[in-house]
PDB file of N, CA and C in Angstrom:
ATOM      1  N   MET A   1       0.820  -1.185   0.000  1.00  0.00           N
ATOM      2  CA  MET A   1       0.000   0.000   0.000  1.00  0.00           C
ATOM      3  C   MET A   1       0.867   1.253   0.000  1.00  0.00           C
ATOM      4  N   VAL A   2       1.914   1.237   0.791  1.00  0.00           N
ATOM      5  CA  VAL A   2       2.801   2.391   0.869  1.00  0.00           C
ATOM      6  C   VAL A   2       3.427   2.654  -0.499  1.00  0.00           C
ATOM      7  N   ASN A   3       3.826   1.588  -1.192  1.00  0.00           N
ATOM      8  CA  ASN A   3       4.424   1.764  -2.512  1.00  0.00           C
ATOM      9  C   ASN A   3       3.422   2.348  -3.498  1.00  0.00           C
ATOM     10  N   LEU A   4       2.170   1.918  -3.431  1.00  0.00           N
ATOM     11  CA  LEU A   4       1.135   2.452  -4.309  1.00  0.00           C
ATOM     12  C   LEU A   4       0.960   3.938  -4.058  1.00  0.00           C
ATOM     13  N   LEU A   5       0.909   4.328  -2.800  1.00  0.00           N
ATOM     14  CA  LEU A   5       0.756   5.738  -2.465  1.00  0.00           C
ATOM     15  C   LEU A   5       1.959   6.542  -2.945  1.00  0.00           C
ATOM     16  N   LYS A   6       3.162   5.996  -2.800  1.00  0.00           N
ATOM     17  CA  LYS A   6       4.360   6.683  -3.294  1.00  0.00           C
ATOM     18  C   LYS A   6       4.296   6.868  -4.801  1.00  0.00           C
ATOM     19  N   GLU A   7       3.851   5.845  -5.529  1.00  0.00           N
ATOM     20  CA  GLU A   7       3.737   5.945  -6.981  1.00  0.00           C
ATOM     21  C   GLU A   7       2.706   6.997  -7.381  1.00  0.00           C
ATOM     22  N   ILE A   8       1.589   7.031  -6.670  1.00  0.00           N
ATOM     23  CA  ILE A   8       0.554   8.025  -6.969  1.00  0.00           C
ATOM     24  C   ILE A   8       1.091   9.429  -6.718  1.00  0.00           C
ATOM     25  N   LYS A   9       1.819   9.604  -5.621  1.00  0.00           N
ATOM     26  CA  LYS A   9       2.397  10.914  -5.328  1.00  0.00           C
ATOM     27  C   LYS A   9       3.418  11.306  -6.398  1.00  0.00           C
ATOM     28  N   GLN A  10       4.212  10.353  -6.839  1.00  0.00           N
ATOM     29  CA  GLN A  10       5.200  10.625  -7.883  1.00  0.00           C
ATOM     30  C   GLN A  10       4.497  11.058  -9.175  1.00  0.00           C
ATOM     31  N   LEU A  11       3.418  10.360  -9.537  1.00  0.00           N
ATOM     32  CA  LEU A  11       2.648  10.724 -10.721  1.00  0.00           C
ATOM     33  C   LEU A  11       2.085  12.133 -10.574  1.00  0.00           C
ATOM     34  N   ARG A  12       1.538  12.439  -9.413  1.00  0.00           N
ATOM     35  CA  ARG A  12       1.002  13.783  -9.168  1.00  0.00           C
ATOM     36  C   ARG A  12       2.096  14.830  -9.342  1.00  0.00           C
ATOM     37  N   ASN A  13       3.289  14.562  -8.795  1.00  0.00           N
ATOM     38  CA  ASN A  13       4.387  15.518  -8.915  1.00  0.00           C
ATOM     39  C   ASN A  13       4.817  15.700 -10.365  1.00  0.00           C
ATOM     40  N   GLU A  14       4.814  14.629 -11.142  1.00  0.00           N
ATOM     41  CA  GLU A  14       5.143  14.733 -12.562  1.00  0.00           C
ATOM     42  C   GLU A  14       4.087  15.561 -13.294  1.00  0.00           C
ATOM     43  N   MET A  15       2.826  15.374 -12.923  1.00  0.00           N
ATOM     44  CA  MET A  15       1.747  16.135 -13.556  1.00  0.00           C
ATOM     45  C   MET A  15       1.894  17.631 -13.250  1.00  0.00           C
ATOM     46  N   VAL A  16       2.257  17.943 -12.009  1.00  0.00           N
ATOM     47  CA  VAL A  16       2.458  19.336 -11.629  1.00  0.00           C
ATOM     48  C   VAL A  16       3.629  19.926 -12.409  1.00  0.00           C
ATOM     49  N   ALA A  17       4.693  19.143 -12.580  1.00  0.00           N
ATOM     50  CA  ALA A  17       5.890  19.627 -13.273  1.00  0.00           C
ATOM     51  C   ALA A  17       5.597  20.023 -14.722  1.00  0.00           C
ATOM     52  N   VAL A  18       4.663  19.358 -15.373  1.00  0.00           N
ATOM     53  CA  VAL A  18       4.339  19.687 -16.768  1.00  0.00           C
ATOM     54  C   VAL A  18       3.033  20.487 -16.855  1.00  0.00           C
ATOM     55  N   ASN A  19       2.576  20.980 -15.693  1.00  0.00           N
ATOM     56  CA  ASN A  19       1.403  21.848 -15.619  1.00  0.00           C
ATOM     57  C   ASN A  19       0.107  21.171 -16.048  1.00  0.00           C
ATOM     58  N   TRP A  20      -0.033  19.892 -15.779  1.00  0.00           N
ATOM     59  CA  TRP A  20      -1.300  19.193 -16.006  1.00  0.00           C
ATOM     60  C   TRP A  20      -2.173  19.404 -14.779  1.00  0.00           C
ATOM     61  N   PRO A  21      -3.484  19.417 -14.970  1.00  0.00           N
ATOM     62  CA  PRO A  21      -4.359  19.537 -13.791  1.00  0.00           C
ATOM     63  C   PRO A  21      -4.176  18.322 -12.876  1.00  0.00           C
ATOM     64  N   SER A  22      -3.869  18.584 -11.640  1.00  0.00           N
ATOM     65  CA  SER A  22      -3.601  17.467 -10.730  1.00  0.00           C
ATOM     66  C   SER A  22      -4.353  17.600  -9.417  1.00  0.00           C
ATOM     67  N   GLN A  23      -5.269  18.538  -9.315  1.00  0.00           N
ATOM     68  CA  GLN A  23      -5.935  18.772  -8.043  1.00  0.00           C
ATOM     69  C   GLN A  23      -6.755  17.571  -7.593  1.00  0.00           C
ATOM     70  N   ARG A  24      -7.451  16.895  -8.509  1.00  0.00           N
ATOM     71  CA  ARG A  24      -8.249  15.719  -8.121  1.00  0.00           C
ATOM     72  C   ARG A  24      -7.364  14.639  -7.521  1.00  0.00           C
ATOM     73  N   LEU A  25      -6.199  14.418  -8.142  1.00  0.00           N
ATOM     74  CA  LEU A  25      -5.268  13.412  -7.634  1.00  0.00           C
ATOM     75  C   LEU A  25      -4.757  13.825  -6.256  1.00  0.00           C
ATOM     76  N   SER A  26      -4.436  15.097  -6.081  1.00  0.00           N
ATOM     77  CA  SER A  26      -3.990  15.586  -4.776  1.00  0.00           C
ATOM     78  C   SER A  26      -5.085  15.410  -3.730  1.00  0.00           C
ATOM     79  N   ASP A  27      -6.332  15.666  -4.124  1.00  0.00           N
ATOM     80  CA  ASP A  27      -7.450  15.499  -3.193  1.00  0.00           C
ATOM     81  C   ASP A  27      -7.594  14.043  -2.747  1.00  0.00           C
ATOM     82  N   ILE A  28      -7.433  13.096  -3.681  1.00  0.00           N
ATOM     83  CA  ILE A  28      -7.520  11.676  -3.343  1.00  0.00           C
ATOM     84  C   ILE A  28      -6.423  11.303  -2.355  1.00  0.00           C
ATOM     85  N   ILE A  29      -5.203  11.758  -2.620  1.00  0.00           N
ATOM     86  CA  ILE A  29      -4.073  11.452  -1.732  1.00  0.00           C
ATOM     87  C   ILE A  29      -4.330  12.024  -0.345  1.00  0.00           C
ATOM     88  N   THR A  30      -4.745  13.281  -0.285  1.00  0.00           N
ATOM     89  CA  THR A  30      -4.990  13.932   0.998  1.00  0.00           C
ATOM     90  C   THR A  30      -6.088  13.223   1.772  1.00  0.00           C
ATOM     91  N   ARG A  31      -7.186  12.894   1.090  1.00  0.00           N
ATOM     92  CA  ARG A  31      -8.300  12.211   1.755  1.00  0.00           C
ATOM     93  C   ARG A  31      -7.840  10.858   2.301  1.00  0.00           C
ATOM     94  N   TYR A  32      -7.052  10.106   1.521  1.00  0.00           N
ATOM     95  CA  TYR A  32      -6.573   8.815   1.982  1.00  0.00           C
ATOM     96  C   TYR A  32      -5.670   8.984   3.210  1.00  0.00           C
ATOM     97  N   GLU A  33      -4.760   9.957   3.153  1.00  0.00           N
ATOM     98  CA  GLU A  33      -3.835  10.144   4.275  1.00  0.00           C
ATOM     99  C   GLU A  33      -4.562  10.562   5.546  1.00  0.00           C
ATOM    100  N   VAL A  34      -5.632  11.352   5.409  1.00  0.00           N
ATOM    101  CA  VAL A  34      -6.403  11.776   6.580  1.00  0.00           C
ATOM    102  C   VAL A  34      -7.168  10.587   7.162  1.00  0.00           C
ATOM    103  N   GLU A  35      -7.776   9.778   6.284  1.00  0.00           N
ATOM    104  CA  GLU A  35      -8.574   8.639   6.745  1.00  0.00           C
ATOM    105  C   GLU A  35      -7.722   7.467   7.219  1.00  0.00           C
ATOM    106  N   ASN A  36      -6.491   7.363   6.716  1.00  0.00           N
ATOM    107  CA  ASN A  36      -5.625   6.221   7.015  1.00  0.00           C
ATOM    108  C   ASN A  36      -4.245   6.699   7.437  1.00  0.00           C
ATOM    109  N   PRO A  37      -4.090   7.143   8.683  1.00  0.00           N
ATOM    110  CA  PRO A  37      -2.771   7.598   9.122  1.00  0.00           C
ATOM    111  C   PRO A  37      -1.753   6.460   9.024  1.00  0.00           C
ATOM    112  N   PRO A  38      -0.478   6.800   8.860  1.00  0.00           N
ATOM    113  CA  PRO A  38       0.550   5.768   8.721  1.00  0.00           C
ATOM    114  C   PRO A  38       0.562   4.808   9.910  1.00  0.00           C
ATOM    115  N   VAL A  39       0.808   3.544   9.617  1.00  0.00           N
ATOM    116  CA  VAL A  39       0.882   2.529  10.658  1.00  0.00           C
ATOM    117  C   VAL A  39       2.268   2.587  11.281  1.00  0.00           C
ATOM    118  N   VAL A  40       2.294   2.677  12.604  1.00  0.00           N
ATOM    119  CA  VAL A  40       3.562   2.714  13.324  1.00  0.00           C
ATOM    120  C   VAL A  40       3.971   1.282  13.630  1.00  0.00           C
ATOM    121  N   ALA A  41       5.173   0.918  13.208  1.00  0.00           N
ATOM    122  CA  ALA A  41       5.667  -0.437  13.449  1.00  0.00           C
ATOM    123  C   ALA A  41       5.941  -0.629  14.933  1.00  0.00           C
ATOM    124  N   LYS A  42       5.562  -1.780  15.429  1.00  0.00           N
ATOM    125  CA  LYS A  42       5.805  -2.112  16.833  1.00  0.00           C
ATOM    126  C   LYS A  42       6.926  -3.147  16.899  1.00  0.00           C
ATOM    127  N   ASP A  43       7.614  -3.158  18.028  1.00  0.00           N
ATOM    128  CA  ASP A  43       8.720  -4.083  18.199  1.00  0.00           C
ATOM    129  C   ASP A  43       8.264  -5.486  18.590  1.00  0.00           C
ATOM    130  N   ASP A  44       7.004  -5.625  18.979  1.00  0.00           N
ATOM    131  CA  ASP A  44       6.542  -6.942  19.414  1.00  0.00           C
ATOM    132  C   ASP A  44       6.141  -7.797  18.208  1.00  0.00           C
ATOM    133  N   ASP A  45       6.248  -9.086  18.358  1.00  0.00           N
ATOM    134  CA  ASP A  45       5.848 -10.031  17.313  1.00  0.00           C
ATOM    135  C   ASP A  45       4.428 -10.465  17.621  1.00  0.00           C
ATOM    136  N   ARG A  46       3.496 -10.085  16.760  1.00  0.00           N
ATOM    137  CA  ARG A  46       2.102 -10.401  17.031  1.00  0.00           C
ATOM    138  C   ARG A  46       1.667 -11.705  16.379  1.00  0.00           C
ATOM    139  N   GLY A  47       2.564 -12.365  15.716  1.00  0.00           N
ATOM    140  CA  GLY A  47       2.271 -13.689  15.193  1.00  0.00           C
ATOM    141  C   GLY A  47       1.678 -13.696  13.799  1.00  0.00           C
ATOM    142  N   PRO A  48       1.621 -14.890  13.195  1.00  0.00           N
ATOM    143  CA  PRO A  48       1.193 -15.022  11.807  1.00  0.00           C
ATOM    144  C   PRO A  48      -0.286 -14.705  11.576  1.00  0.00           C
ATOM    145  N   LEU A  49      -1.150 -14.923  12.565  1.00  0.00           N
ATOM    146  CA  LEU A  49      -2.566 -14.641  12.379  1.00  0.00           C
ATOM    147  C   LEU A  49      -2.798 -13.144  12.197  1.00  0.00           C
ATOM    148  N   ASP A  50      -2.154 -12.328  13.032  1.00  0.00           N
ATOM    149  CA  ASP A  50      -2.273 -10.882  12.892  1.00  0.00           C
ATOM    150  C   ASP A  50      -1.683 -10.417  11.564  1.00  0.00           C
ATOM    151  N   LEU A  51      -0.591 -11.017  11.146  1.00  0.00           N
ATOM    152  CA  LEU A  51       0.020 -10.663   9.868  1.00  0.00           C
ATOM    153  C   LEU A  51      -0.925 -10.992   8.712  1.00  0.00           C
ATOM    154  N   THR A  52      -1.580 -12.141   8.785  1.00  0.00           N
ATOM    155  CA  THR A  52      -2.546 -12.525   7.753  1.00  0.00           C
ATOM    156  C   THR A  52      -3.689 -11.526   7.704  1.00  0.00           C
ATOM    157  N   ARG A  53      -4.204 -11.127   8.842  1.00  0.00           N
ATOM    158  CA  ARG A  53      -5.290 -10.135   8.888  1.00  0.00           C
ATOM    159  C   ARG A  53      -4.839  -8.805   8.309  1.00  0.00           C
ATOM    160  N   LEU A  54      -3.626  -8.388   8.648  1.00  0.00           N
ATOM    161  CA  LEU A  54      -3.098  -7.135   8.130  1.00  0.00           C
ATOM    162  C   LEU A  54      -2.966  -7.187   6.610  1.00  0.00           C
ATOM    163  N   LEU A  55      -2.454  -8.288   6.094  1.00  0.00           N
ATOM    164  CA  LEU A  55      -2.312  -8.436   4.641  1.00  0.00           C
ATOM    165  C   LEU A  55      -3.672  -8.421   3.946  1.00  0.00           C
ATOM    166  N   GLU A  56      -4.660  -9.087   4.528  1.00  0.00           N
ATOM    167  CA  GLU A  56      -6.002  -9.086   3.947  1.00  0.00           C
ATOM    168  C   GLU A  56      -6.591  -7.677   3.946  1.00  0.00           C
ATOM    169  N   GLU A  57      -6.384  -6.946   5.031  1.00  0.00           N
ATOM    170  CA  GLU A  57      -6.887  -5.572   5.105  1.00  0.00           C
ATOM    171  C   GLU A  57      -6.217  -4.694   4.047  1.00  0.00           C
ATOM    172  N   LYS A  58      -4.928  -4.850   3.888  1.00  0.00           N
ATOM    173  CA  LYS A  58      -4.203  -4.053   2.895  1.00  0.00           C
ATOM    174  C   LYS A  58      -4.636  -4.426   1.482  1.00  0.00           C
ATOM    175  N   ASP A  59      -4.896  -5.710   1.231  1.00  0.00           N
ATOM    176  CA  ASP A  59      -5.389  -6.125  -0.088  1.00  0.00           C
ATOM    177  C   ASP A  59      -6.724  -5.467  -0.400  1.00  0.00           C
ATOM    178  N   ARG A  60      -7.596  -5.370   0.611  1.00  0.00           N
ATOM    179  CA  ARG A  60      -8.885  -4.711   0.411  1.00  0.00           C
ATOM    180  C   ARG A  60      -8.693  -3.226   0.131  1.00  0.00           C
ATOM    181  N   GLU A  61      -7.765  -2.596   0.835  1.00  0.00           N
ATOM    182  CA  GLU A  61      -7.483  -1.178   0.606  1.00  0.00           C
ATOM    183  C   GLU A  61      -6.935  -0.944  -0.804  1.00  0.00           C
ATOM    184  N   ILE A  62      -6.045  -1.811  -1.243  1.00  0.00           N
ATOM    185  CA  ILE A  62      -5.490  -1.691  -2.592  1.00  0.00           C
ATOM    186  C   ILE A  62      -6.589  -1.826  -3.623  1.00  0.00           C
ATOM    187  N   ALA A  63      -7.472  -2.790  -3.434  1.00  0.00           N
ATOM    188  CA  ALA A  63      -8.578  -2.984  -4.377  1.00  0.00           C
ATOM    189  C   ALA A  63      -9.482  -1.758  -4.405  1.00  0.00           C
ATOM    190  N   ARG A  64      -9.763  -1.188  -3.231  1.00  0.00           N
ATOM    191  CA  ARG A  64     -10.615  -0.003  -3.160  1.00  0.00           C
ATOM    192  C   ARG A  64      -9.953   1.190  -3.846  1.00  0.00           C
ATOM    193  N   LEU A  65      -8.667   1.402  -3.607  1.00  0.00           N
ATOM    194  CA  LEU A  65      -7.956   2.514  -4.237  1.00  0.00           C
ATOM    195  C   LEU A  65      -7.841   2.318  -5.743  1.00  0.00           C
ATOM    196  N   THR A  66      -7.616   1.084  -6.167  1.00  0.00           N
ATOM    197  CA  THR A  66      -7.545   0.801  -7.599  1.00  0.00           C
ATOM    198  C   THR A  66      -8.873   1.124  -8.260  1.00  0.00           C
ATOM    199  N   GLU A  67      -9.951   0.769  -7.602  1.00  0.00           N
ATOM    200  CA  GLU A  67     -11.282   1.067  -8.138  1.00  0.00           C
ATOM    201  C   GLU A  67     -11.487   2.577  -8.235  1.00  0.00           C
ATOM    202  N   LYS A  68     -11.071   3.319  -7.202  1.00  0.00           N
ATOM    203  CA  LYS A  68     -11.207   4.771  -7.243  1.00  0.00           C
ATOM    204  C   LYS A  68     -10.386   5.364  -8.381  1.00  0.00           C
ATOM    205  N   LEU A  69      -9.178   4.860  -8.568  1.00  0.00           N
ATOM    206  CA  LEU A  69      -8.339   5.363  -9.645  1.00  0.00           C
ATOM    207  C   LEU A  69      -8.955   5.092 -11.003  1.00  0.00           C
ATOM    208  N   CYS A  70      -9.548   3.922 -11.167  1.00  0.00           N
ATOM    209  CA  CYS A  70     -10.196   3.579 -12.440  1.00  0.00           C
ATOM    210  C   CYS A  70     -11.383   4.500 -12.689  1.00  0.00           C
ATOM    211  N   GLN A  71     -12.106   4.870 -11.640  1.00  0.00           N
ATOM    212  CA  GLN A  71     -13.240   5.763 -11.797  1.00  0.00           C
ATOM    213  C   GLN A  71     -12.774   7.155 -12.230  1.00  0.00           C
ATOM    214  N   CYS A  72     -11.599   7.574 -11.770  1.00  0.00           N
ATOM    215  CA  CYS A  72     -11.067   8.881 -12.149  1.00  0.00           C
ATOM    216  C   CYS A  72     -10.640   8.902 -13.604  1.00  0.00           C
ATOM    217  N   ASP A  73     -10.212   7.776 -14.119  1.00  0.00           N
ATOM    218  CA  ASP A  73      -9.770   7.689 -15.510  1.00  0.00           C
ATOM    219  C   ASP A  73     -10.935   7.734 -16.484  1.00  0.00           C
ATOM    220  N   ALA A  74     -12.098   7.356 -15.996  1.00  0.00           N
ATOM    221  CA  ALA A  74     -13.269   7.256 -16.891  1.00  0.00           C
ATOM    222  C   ALA A  74     -13.787   8.625 -17.283  1.00  0.00           C
TER     223      ALA A  74
END
């Protein structure tokens, strides 16, 4: 998820550099960052079940963001 957000930010910055309208993309990034603050890594090992749940949650977030991006392209 972090890599996807970095790629989206990079695309937004490239759009700004060539003076393309990028406000909608900036709004999506800002809204996501407000709704989903960065996860702080903990030093404790919470085990494979928690890791599986985290991965499933991130997969759902990626699918949701991908869907939003596709809607913006339409």
